[in-house]
Structures are given as structure tokens and as C-alpha cells.
Amino acid sequence: MARHGIFHARMLSPIGRNAMRCCFRYNVKLDNIGSLSKSFVQSFVNNTYTDDVINTVLLLLEILLVKFKFYTLSSWTNSEITEFIALLSTM
């Protein structure tokens, strides 16, 4: 089923759409989709983006986790968290 979704139905299948998006993003041919691994993606990101961009994205991730109550930051109000997310999102 997954093979059909990736190689034949492509955009009609959520699996196929996801596979195509990953191949396009990481410049990999669909036939080589098996080469996409965690280490491949980490290497791609580290070679494509600066350390400042990566650190900003990681900070944004942590603040979003606070906003949606996965992490706790009791000294900030919800509006302060929202303003900080807006600031990081426009950098």
C-alpha cells in the first residue's frame, strides 16, 4: 500500500505527498528515498543554515512548547510569550 502511494498515486496519497515533499526539500530522487535518514537530514540542515538560524528555530520551538503547556515558564504571561513568538518569527 505504501509503495503504491509513493510510486503511483503520489499526490492522491498522504504517504505519497509526504514522500514527494521530502524528496523535493532534500534534493533526493524518489527512487533513493531510502537514503533519507535522521543523520542525512541533520547534515543537510547544518550545511544549509547558519548556527544563528538554527538556534533561533530551536528557541522558537521551546517557546511554542511553553505556549502550548508542554513546558512551564511561570514568570511570563501568555501575552508576553505570544509577543516573544512574534518577535522570533520575524527575525
Protein backbone atom coordinates (compact mmCIF):
# COMPACT_ATOMS: atom_id res chain seq x y z
CA MET A 1 0.00 0.00 0.00
CA ALA A 2 2.76 2.45 0.95
CA ARG A 3 4.71 1.58 -2.22
CA HIS A 4 1.62 2.27 -4.35
CA GLY A 5 1.06 5.58 -2.52
CA ILE A 6 4.63 6.69 -3.13
CA PHE A 7 5.30 5.49 -6.66
CA HIS A 8 1.88 5.52 -8.35
CA ALA A 9 -0.76 7.57 -6.52
CA ARG A 10 1.74 10.22 -5.33
CA MET A 11 -0.36 13.32 -4.76
CA LEU A 12 -3.56 11.36 -4.09
CA SER A 13 -1.97 9.65 -1.10
CA PRO A 14 -0.82 11.34 2.14
CA ILE A 15 2.19 8.99 2.13
CA GLY A 16 2.98 9.92 -1.47
CA ARG A 17 2.63 13.66 -0.82
CA ASN A 18 4.92 13.42 2.20
CA ALA A 19 7.48 11.38 0.25
CA MET A 20 7.44 13.84 -2.65
CA ARG A 21 7.77 16.81 -0.29
CA CYS A 22 10.77 15.23 1.44
CA CYS A 23 12.45 14.37 -1.85
CA PHE A 24 11.95 17.90 -3.16
CA ARG A 25 13.14 19.55 0.06
CA TYR A 26 16.31 17.45 0.42
CA ASN A 27 17.05 17.14 -3.31
CA VAL A 28 16.75 13.33 -3.39
CA LYS A 29 15.28 11.28 -6.23
CA LEU A 30 12.14 9.34 -5.35
CA ASP A 31 13.94 6.08 -6.14
CA ASN A 32 16.51 6.92 -3.43
CA ILE A 33 14.02 7.87 -0.72
CA GLY A 34 15.54 5.19 1.50
CA SER A 35 18.67 7.34 1.83
CA LEU A 36 16.73 9.91 3.88
CA SER A 37 17.70 9.29 7.48
CA LYS A 38 17.97 11.37 10.61
CA SER A 39 21.72 11.84 10.11
CA PHE A 40 21.21 12.81 6.43
CA VAL A 41 18.64 15.48 7.37
CA GLN A 42 20.80 16.80 10.25
CA SER A 43 23.78 17.08 7.90
CA PHE A 44 21.64 18.84 5.27
CA VAL A 45 20.32 21.36 7.81
CA ASN A 46 23.76 22.03 9.31
CA ASN A 47 25.24 22.62 5.85
CA THR A 48 22.34 24.78 4.65
CA TYR A 49 21.59 27.08 7.60
CA THR A 50 23.80 29.18 9.84
CA ASP A 51 24.15 28.46 13.54
CA ASP A 52 22.21 31.66 14.31
CA VAL A 53 19.21 30.48 12.28
CA ILE A 54 19.28 27.01 13.84
CA ASN A 55 19.49 28.47 17.36
CA THR A 56 16.61 30.86 16.65
CA VAL A 57 14.44 27.99 15.41
CA LEU A 58 15.29 25.88 18.48
CA LEU A 59 14.42 28.81 20.77
CA LEU A 60 11.15 29.31 18.89
CA LEU A 61 10.38 25.61 19.34
CA GLU A 62 10.92 25.84 23.10
CA ILE A 63 8.74 28.94 23.41
CA LEU A 64 5.98 27.23 21.41
CA LEU A 65 6.20 24.26 23.77
CA VAL A 66 5.74 26.70 26.68
CA LYS A 67 2.77 28.34 24.95
CA PHE A 68 1.03 25.01 24.43
CA LYS A 69 1.76 23.89 28.03
CA PHE A 70 4.32 21.16 27.26
CA TYR A 71 6.94 23.18 29.17
CA THR A 72 6.40 25.58 32.07
CA LEU A 73 7.68 29.13 32.37
CA SER A 74 5.72 30.59 35.26
CA SER A 75 7.33 34.04 35.27
CA TRP A 76 5.92 35.00 31.84
CA THR A 77 2.34 35.83 30.98
CA ASN A 78 0.63 34.36 27.95
CA SER A 79 0.69 37.72 26.16
CA GLU A 80 4.45 38.05 26.76
CA ILE A 81 5.00 34.58 25.32
CA THR A 82 2.89 35.47 22.27
CA GLU A 83 4.86 38.71 21.74
CA PHE A 84 8.16 36.83 22.02
CA ILE A 85 6.99 34.27 19.44
CA ALA A 86 6.03 37.11 17.09
CA LEU A 87 9.46 38.70 17.58
CA LEU A 88 11.32 35.45 16.87
CA SER A 89 9.12 34.70 13.87
CA THR A 90 10.06 37.95 12.15
CA MET A 91 13.83 37.71 12.65
